[in-house]
Amino acid sequence: MQARKNLVNILVAAAIVLSLALIYNGVSRYSLTDIMQSLGSIPLRHLLLSIAFTIASYIALTGFDVLGLIYAGKPLPYGKTALTSFVSLSIGHNVGLAALSSGAIRYRFYSRWGLGVEDVAKVALFSGITVGIGLLSLCSWAMLFRSDSAARIIGLSPYQVWLSGLAAMLALGVYLVLCWRLRLPLRVRKWTFKLPSLRLATGQLVVGTLNFALIAASLQQLLLAYQKVSYWDVATAYSIANGAVIASHVPGGLGVLEASTQFLLPQAATIGAVIAFRCVYFFLPLPLGVVLFALSEREFRRSSGTARSFAG
């Protein structure tokens, strides 16, 4: 047990150090002048709306953990769930290695409140599937509503893109039907998993789609500072690019985000919009997440020391 705790401590410390290194690597690509000019060129209204959509996205992300804990049979008060979700994802979004960053931090928090390794693994698996469902949902809607734009990104004909969007929509429908009708458990090594109930699967579809829709809205507000772009064009470019991010595990979407915005804007405007979005969605929440993590660690150690004192 002590060896496991020491290993988790090492992983958490490594995650923080790695996150700081990766953030430095990402920020160092731009000069301070570039960052200030990019943020300064965006009208205050668009900047505030982008931040508001970012906050809403992180709130939607707490729903991933709420539903995941219900799926694991270990529901917790919303305050504890929201704290864990925000801290793990504000760091994990920048690190890009879920097992090392957000997964380890999730275990660090949830293990204090009675969850075991298998429970946390179920929450992480459920959340990961929710990400895929939300991304596939938004991408399918974008392909159906903006097949011309998606065709230019993917390199297929508009009709082929439309059919792909319809197929993706049907796949989501099949998933819901399986969750409704298939109740047999699935075994992976010594762990047993089962498909969520139809109610939980519907929740996955709603909060997953909502999260990516809010991210696209946040990005659009920053792009509007440079030229008029429609929401669905932004959602199409971002959802397709983000699929590549998930496939490549690139921290913070480095490179892929630039490629998606280049489709929408000229090169000069792309750089400014990308810098601004990276600051708003990735870099801005990180210091708060690290501070909350440090404060929670101090409180946990203090409460543990008090408990040992009483036991002694």
Protein backbone atom coordinates (compact mmCIF):
# COMPACT_ATOMS: atom_id res chain seq x y z
CA MET A 1 0.00 0.00 0.00
CA GLN A 2 2.78 2.43 0.93
CA ALA A 3 4.65 1.59 -2.27
CA ARG A 4 1.52 2.38 -4.30
CA LYS A 5 1.11 5.73 -2.55
CA ASN A 6 4.75 6.58 -3.19
CA LEU A 7 4.34 5.68 -6.86
CA VAL A 8 1.27 7.91 -7.16
CA ASN A 9 3.16 10.78 -5.48
CA ILE A 10 6.00 10.36 -7.97
CA LEU A 11 3.58 10.30 -10.90
CA VAL A 12 1.77 13.41 -9.70
CA ALA A 13 5.03 15.30 -9.19
CA ALA A 14 6.22 14.16 -12.62
CA ALA A 15 2.95 15.32 -14.17
CA ILE A 16 3.33 18.81 -12.72
CA VAL A 17 6.97 19.13 -13.76
CA LEU A 18 6.19 17.81 -17.24
CA SER A 19 3.20 20.14 -17.59
CA LEU A 20 5.31 23.17 -16.72
CA ALA A 21 8.00 22.07 -19.17
CA LEU A 22 5.47 21.56 -21.95
CA ILE A 23 3.78 24.89 -21.27
CA TYR A 24 7.15 26.61 -21.40
CA ASN A 25 7.88 24.82 -24.65
CA GLY A 26 4.54 25.92 -26.08
CA VAL A 27 4.76 29.52 -24.90
CA SER A 28 8.42 29.87 -25.92
CA ARG A 29 7.33 29.47 -29.54
CA TYR A 30 5.90 32.98 -29.26
CA SER A 31 7.57 36.11 -27.94
CA LEU A 32 5.96 38.16 -25.19
CA THR A 33 5.31 40.81 -27.83
CA ASP A 34 3.45 38.27 -30.00
CA ILE A 35 1.27 37.22 -27.06
CA MET A 36 0.47 40.76 -25.98
CA GLN A 37 -0.26 41.90 -29.54
CA SER A 38 -2.50 38.90 -30.17
CA LEU A 39 -4.54 39.44 -27.03
CA GLY A 40 -4.54 43.22 -27.48
CA SER A 41 -5.86 42.99 -31.03
CA ILE A 42 -9.01 41.18 -29.91
CA PRO A 43 -11.97 43.39 -28.92
CA LEU A 44 -12.80 43.10 -25.23
CA ARG A 45 -16.29 41.80 -25.98
CA HIS A 46 -14.97 38.87 -28.02
CA LEU A 47 -12.25 38.12 -25.47
CA LEU A 48 -14.73 38.07 -22.57
CA LEU A 49 -17.16 35.89 -24.53
CA SER A 50 -14.34 33.49 -25.37
CA ILE A 51 -13.41 33.26 -21.69
CA ALA A 52 -17.08 32.75 -20.78
CA PHE A 53 -17.40 29.86 -23.27
CA THR A 54 -14.17 28.40 -21.86
CA ILE A 55 -15.56 28.49 -18.33
CA ALA A 56 -18.77 26.88 -19.57
CA SER A 57 -16.72 24.16 -21.27
CA TYR A 58 -14.86 23.31 -18.05
CA ILE A 59 -18.21 23.19 -16.24
CA ALA A 60 -19.51 20.80 -18.90
CA LEU A 61 -16.40 18.69 -18.41
CA THR A 62 -17.33 18.16 -14.76
CA GLY A 63 -20.35 16.30 -16.12
CA PHE A 64 -17.97 13.70 -17.55
CA ASP A 65 -16.81 12.82 -14.03
CA VAL A 66 -20.29 13.08 -12.50
CA LEU A 67 -21.64 10.53 -14.97
CA GLY A 68 -18.46 8.43 -14.72
CA LEU A 69 -18.76 8.16 -10.95
CA ILE A 70 -22.39 7.10 -11.28
CA TYR A 71 -21.30 4.51 -13.84
CA ALA A 72 -18.65 3.22 -11.42
CA GLY A 73 -21.23 3.06 -8.61
CA LYS A 74 -19.31 5.63 -6.54
CA PRO A 75 -21.16 8.95 -6.80
CA LEU A 76 -19.64 11.85 -4.84
CA PRO A 77 -20.84 15.35 -3.89
CA TYR A 78 -20.58 17.72 -6.84
CA GLY A 79 -18.00 19.95 -5.14
CA LYS A 80 -15.49 17.11 -4.81
CA THR A 81 -16.19 15.91 -8.34
CA ALA A 82 -15.85 19.38 -9.86
CA LEU A 83 -12.58 20.03 -8.01
CA THR A 84 -11.10 16.76 -9.24
CA SER A 85 -12.29 17.32 -12.80
CA PHE A 86 -10.97 20.86 -13.09
CA VAL A 87 -7.57 20.20 -11.50
CA SER A 88 -6.92 17.02 -13.48
CA LEU A 89 -8.05 18.46 -16.82
CA SER A 90 -6.53 21.94 -16.50
CA ILE A 91 -3.19 20.16 -16.11
CA GLY A 92 -3.96 17.19 -18.36
CA HIS A 93 -5.05 19.36 -21.30
CA ASN A 94 -1.59 20.85 -21.42
CA VAL A 95 0.38 17.68 -20.76
CA GLY A 96 -1.50 15.55 -23.29
CA LEU A 97 -0.62 12.24 -21.58
CA ALA A 98 -3.81 11.19 -19.80
CA ALA A 99 -2.35 8.20 -17.95
CA LEU A 100 0.47 10.29 -16.50
CA SER A 101 -1.35 13.56 -15.88
CA SER A 102 -5.12 13.66 -15.48
CA GLY A 103 -5.36 9.94 -14.68
CA ALA A 104 -2.82 10.12 -11.87
CA ILE A 105 -4.35 13.28 -10.44
CA ARG A 106 -7.84 11.78 -10.61
CA TYR A 107 -6.60 8.80 -8.61
CA ARG A 108 -4.87 11.08 -6.12
CA PHE A 109 -8.18 12.84 -5.37
CA TYR A 110 -10.67 10.00 -5.67
CA SER A 111 -8.62 7.53 -3.63
CA ARG A 112 -8.99 9.88 -0.65
CA TRP A 113 -12.75 9.49 -0.88
CA GLY A 114 -12.90 5.72 -1.01
CA LEU A 115 -12.42 4.86 -4.69
CA GLY A 116 -10.06 2.07 -5.68
CA VAL A 117 -7.89 1.66 -8.75
CA GLU A 118 -10.65 -0.17 -10.64
CA ASP A 119 -13.20 2.52 -9.77
CA VAL A 120 -10.94 5.31 -11.05
CA ALA A 121 -10.15 3.28 -14.16
CA LYS A 122 -13.89 3.02 -14.86
CA VAL A 123 -14.31 6.78 -14.45
CA ALA A 124 -11.35 7.45 -16.76
CA LEU A 125 -12.62 4.96 -19.35
CA PHE A 126 -16.13 6.42 -19.22
CA SER A 127 -14.78 9.96 -19.61
CA GLY A 128 -12.56 8.92 -22.51
CA ILE A 129 -15.51 7.35 -24.31
CA THR A 130 -17.55 10.50 -23.62
CA VAL A 131 -14.84 12.57 -25.31
CA GLY A 132 -15.02 10.35 -28.38
CA ILE A 133 -18.82 10.43 -28.44
CA GLY A 134 -18.94 14.22 -28.11
CA LEU A 135 -16.34 14.75 -30.80
CA LEU A 136 -18.03 12.30 -33.17
CA SER A 137 -21.40 13.95 -32.53
CA LEU A 138 -20.23 17.50 -33.25
CA CYS A 139 -18.22 16.32 -36.25
CA SER A 140 -21.22 14.48 -37.68
CA TRP A 141 -23.44 17.56 -37.32
CA ALA A 142 -20.74 19.69 -38.95
CA MET A 143 -20.42 17.23 -41.84
CA LEU A 144 -24.17 17.27 -42.38
CA PHE A 145 -24.57 21.06 -42.09
CA ARG A 146 -21.27 22.13 -43.70
CA SER A 147 -20.39 19.29 -46.07
CA ASP A 148 -18.68 21.72 -48.49
CA SER A 149 -16.29 23.06 -45.82
CA ALA A 150 -15.60 19.60 -44.45
CA ALA A 151 -14.92 18.33 -47.96
CA ARG A 152 -12.15 20.90 -48.43
CA ILE A 153 -10.55 19.86 -45.14
CA ILE A 154 -10.82 16.10 -45.59
CA GLY A 155 -10.30 15.97 -49.34
CA LEU A 156 -13.52 14.10 -50.14
CA SER A 157 -16.51 15.18 -52.19
CA PRO A 158 -19.37 16.96 -50.38
CA TYR A 159 -21.60 13.94 -51.00
CA GLN A 160 -19.03 11.58 -49.47
CA VAL A 161 -18.66 13.89 -46.48
CA TRP A 162 -22.44 14.01 -46.06
CA LEU A 163 -22.60 10.22 -46.13
CA SER A 164 -19.75 10.07 -43.57
CA GLY A 165 -21.65 12.42 -41.29
CA LEU A 166 -24.78 10.30 -41.63
CA ALA A 167 -22.76 7.14 -40.88
CA ALA A 168 -21.30 8.79 -37.77
CA MET A 169 -24.78 9.76 -36.63
CA LEU A 170 -26.00 6.21 -37.17
CA ALA A 171 -23.01 4.86 -35.20
CA LEU A 172 -24.04 7.00 -32.24
CA GLY A 173 -27.56 5.64 -32.57
CA VAL A 174 -26.23 2.07 -32.55
CA TYR A 175 -24.26 2.85 -29.38
CA LEU A 176 -27.42 4.09 -27.66
CA VAL A 177 -29.33 0.98 -28.74
CA LEU A 178 -26.56 -1.30 -27.45
CA CYS A 179 -26.58 0.51 -24.11
CA TRP A 180 -30.33 0.05 -24.00
CA ARG A 181 -30.42 -3.64 -24.90
CA LEU A 182 -27.00 -5.20 -24.19
CA ARG A 183 -26.44 -5.74 -20.47
CA LEU A 184 -23.74 -8.45 -20.55
CA PRO A 185 -20.51 -7.42 -18.76
CA LEU A 186 -17.20 -7.17 -20.63
CA ARG A 187 -14.04 -8.53 -18.99
CA VAL A 188 -10.58 -6.99 -19.50
CA ARG A 189 -8.01 -9.03 -17.58
CA LYS A 190 -9.20 -9.03 -13.95
CA TRP A 191 -11.48 -6.01 -14.39
CA THR A 192 -15.10 -6.25 -15.45
CA PHE A 193 -16.83 -3.48 -17.37
CA LYS A 194 -20.34 -3.16 -18.68
CA LEU A 195 -22.02 -0.76 -21.05
CA PRO A 196 -23.71 2.18 -19.29
CA SER A 197 -27.46 2.43 -19.05
CA LEU A 198 -29.36 4.24 -21.77
CA ARG A 199 -29.80 7.18 -19.40
CA LEU A 200 -26.05 7.48 -18.79
CA ALA A 201 -25.26 6.99 -22.49
CA THR A 202 -27.67 9.79 -23.37
CA GLY A 203 -25.91 11.94 -20.77
CA GLN A 204 -22.60 11.14 -22.46
CA LEU A 205 -23.98 12.28 -25.79
CA VAL A 206 -25.37 15.53 -24.35
CA VAL A 207 -22.41 16.68 -22.22
CA GLY A 208 -19.83 15.42 -24.72
CA THR A 209 -21.40 17.33 -27.60
CA LEU A 210 -21.98 20.39 -25.42
CA ASN A 211 -18.32 20.51 -24.37
CA PHE A 212 -16.95 20.54 -27.91
CA ALA A 213 -19.66 22.94 -29.06
CA LEU A 214 -18.57 25.37 -26.34
CA ILE A 215 -14.90 25.00 -27.27
CA ALA A 216 -15.73 25.79 -30.89
CA ALA A 217 -17.74 28.82 -29.73
CA SER A 218 -14.77 30.03 -27.68
CA LEU A 219 -12.47 29.70 -30.69
CA GLN A 220 -14.96 31.43 -32.99
CA GLN A 221 -15.08 34.53 -30.77
CA LEU A 222 -11.34 34.96 -31.18
CA LEU A 223 -11.44 34.29 -34.92
CA LEU A 224 -14.13 36.96 -35.33
CA ALA A 225 -11.56 39.54 -34.31
CA TYR A 226 -9.82 38.93 -37.65
CA GLN A 227 -12.62 38.15 -40.08
CA LYS A 228 -16.23 36.96 -40.15
CA VAL A 229 -16.43 33.18 -39.85
CA SER A 230 -19.53 31.08 -39.28
CA TYR A 231 -19.89 28.91 -36.22
CA TRP A 232 -20.33 25.72 -38.21
CA ASP A 233 -17.19 26.36 -40.25
CA VAL A 234 -15.24 26.72 -37.00
CA ALA A 235 -16.91 23.63 -35.52
CA THR A 236 -16.08 21.63 -38.66
CA ALA A 237 -12.41 22.62 -38.73
CA TYR A 238 -11.93 22.24 -34.98
CA SER A 239 -13.71 18.90 -34.59
CA ILE A 240 -11.79 17.31 -37.46
CA ALA A 241 -8.48 18.73 -36.23
CA ASN A 242 -9.22 17.67 -32.67
CA GLY A 243 -9.76 14.13 -33.87
CA ALA A 244 -6.16 14.24 -35.08
CA VAL A 245 -5.11 15.64 -31.68
CA ILE A 246 -6.68 12.72 -29.85
CA ALA A 247 -5.15 10.24 -32.28
CA SER A 248 -1.67 11.76 -31.88
CA HIS A 249 -1.85 12.66 -28.14
CA VAL A 250 -0.27 16.02 -28.92
CA PRO A 251 -0.23 18.31 -25.83
CA GLY A 252 -2.68 21.16 -26.22
CA GLY A 253 -3.14 20.39 -29.90
CA LEU A 254 0.25 21.82 -30.87
CA GLY A 255 0.43 22.12 -34.64
CA VAL A 256 -3.00 20.62 -35.32
CA LEU A 257 -4.89 23.64 -34.02
CA GLU A 258 -2.79 25.84 -36.29
CA ALA A 259 -3.68 23.64 -39.26
CA SER A 260 -7.41 23.89 -38.58
CA THR A 261 -7.41 27.68 -38.22
CA GLN A 262 -5.27 28.13 -41.34
CA PHE A 263 -8.18 26.67 -43.24
CA LEU A 264 -10.34 29.55 -42.00
CA LEU A 265 -7.96 32.52 -41.88
CA PRO A 266 -4.89 33.93 -43.63
CA GLN A 267 -1.53 32.97 -42.13
CA ALA A 268 -0.96 36.22 -40.22
CA ALA A 269 -4.41 36.18 -38.63
CA THR A 270 -4.08 32.47 -37.86
CA ILE A 271 -1.04 33.05 -35.65
CA GLY A 272 -2.80 35.72 -33.62
CA ALA A 273 -5.99 33.69 -33.17
CA VAL A 274 -4.08 30.53 -32.19
CA ILE A 275 -1.97 32.36 -29.62
CA ALA A 276 -5.07 33.96 -28.12
CA PHE A 277 -7.01 30.68 -28.00
CA ARG A 278 -4.11 28.79 -26.48
CA CYS A 279 -3.80 31.47 -23.79
CA VAL A 280 -7.54 31.49 -23.04
CA TYR A 281 -8.36 27.78 -23.10
CA PHE A 282 -5.09 26.07 -22.14
CA PHE A 283 -2.76 28.46 -20.33
CA LEU A 284 -5.29 30.52 -18.35
CA PRO A 285 -6.83 27.61 -16.37
CA LEU A 286 -3.46 25.95 -15.67
CA PRO A 287 -2.18 28.24 -12.86
CA LEU A 288 -5.54 27.99 -11.07
CA GLY A 289 -5.48 24.20 -11.40
CA VAL A 290 -1.93 23.98 -10.01
CA VAL A 291 -2.80 26.29 -7.10
CA LEU A 292 -5.94 24.29 -6.25
CA PHE A 293 -3.91 21.09 -6.43
CA ALA A 294 -1.27 22.47 -4.06
CA LEU A 295 -3.90 23.75 -1.61
CA SER A 296 -5.74 20.43 -1.62
CA GLU A 297 -2.47 18.58 -1.00
CA ARG A 298 -1.69 20.81 1.97
CA GLU A 299 -5.19 20.36 3.38
CA PHE A 300 -5.04 16.60 2.89
CA ARG A 301 -1.67 16.29 4.62
CA ARG A 302 -2.85 18.49 7.48
CA SER A 303 -6.03 16.49 7.99
CA SER A 304 -4.07 13.22 7.77
CA GLY A 305 -1.62 14.49 10.38
CA THR A 306 -4.45 15.50 12.68
CA ALA A 307 -6.08 12.08 12.30
CA ARG A 308 -2.81 10.34 13.17
CA SER A 309 -2.39 12.57 16.21
CA PHE A 310 -5.81 11.58 17.52
CA ALA A 311 -5.07 7.93 16.78
CA GLY A 312 -1.80 8.19 18.71
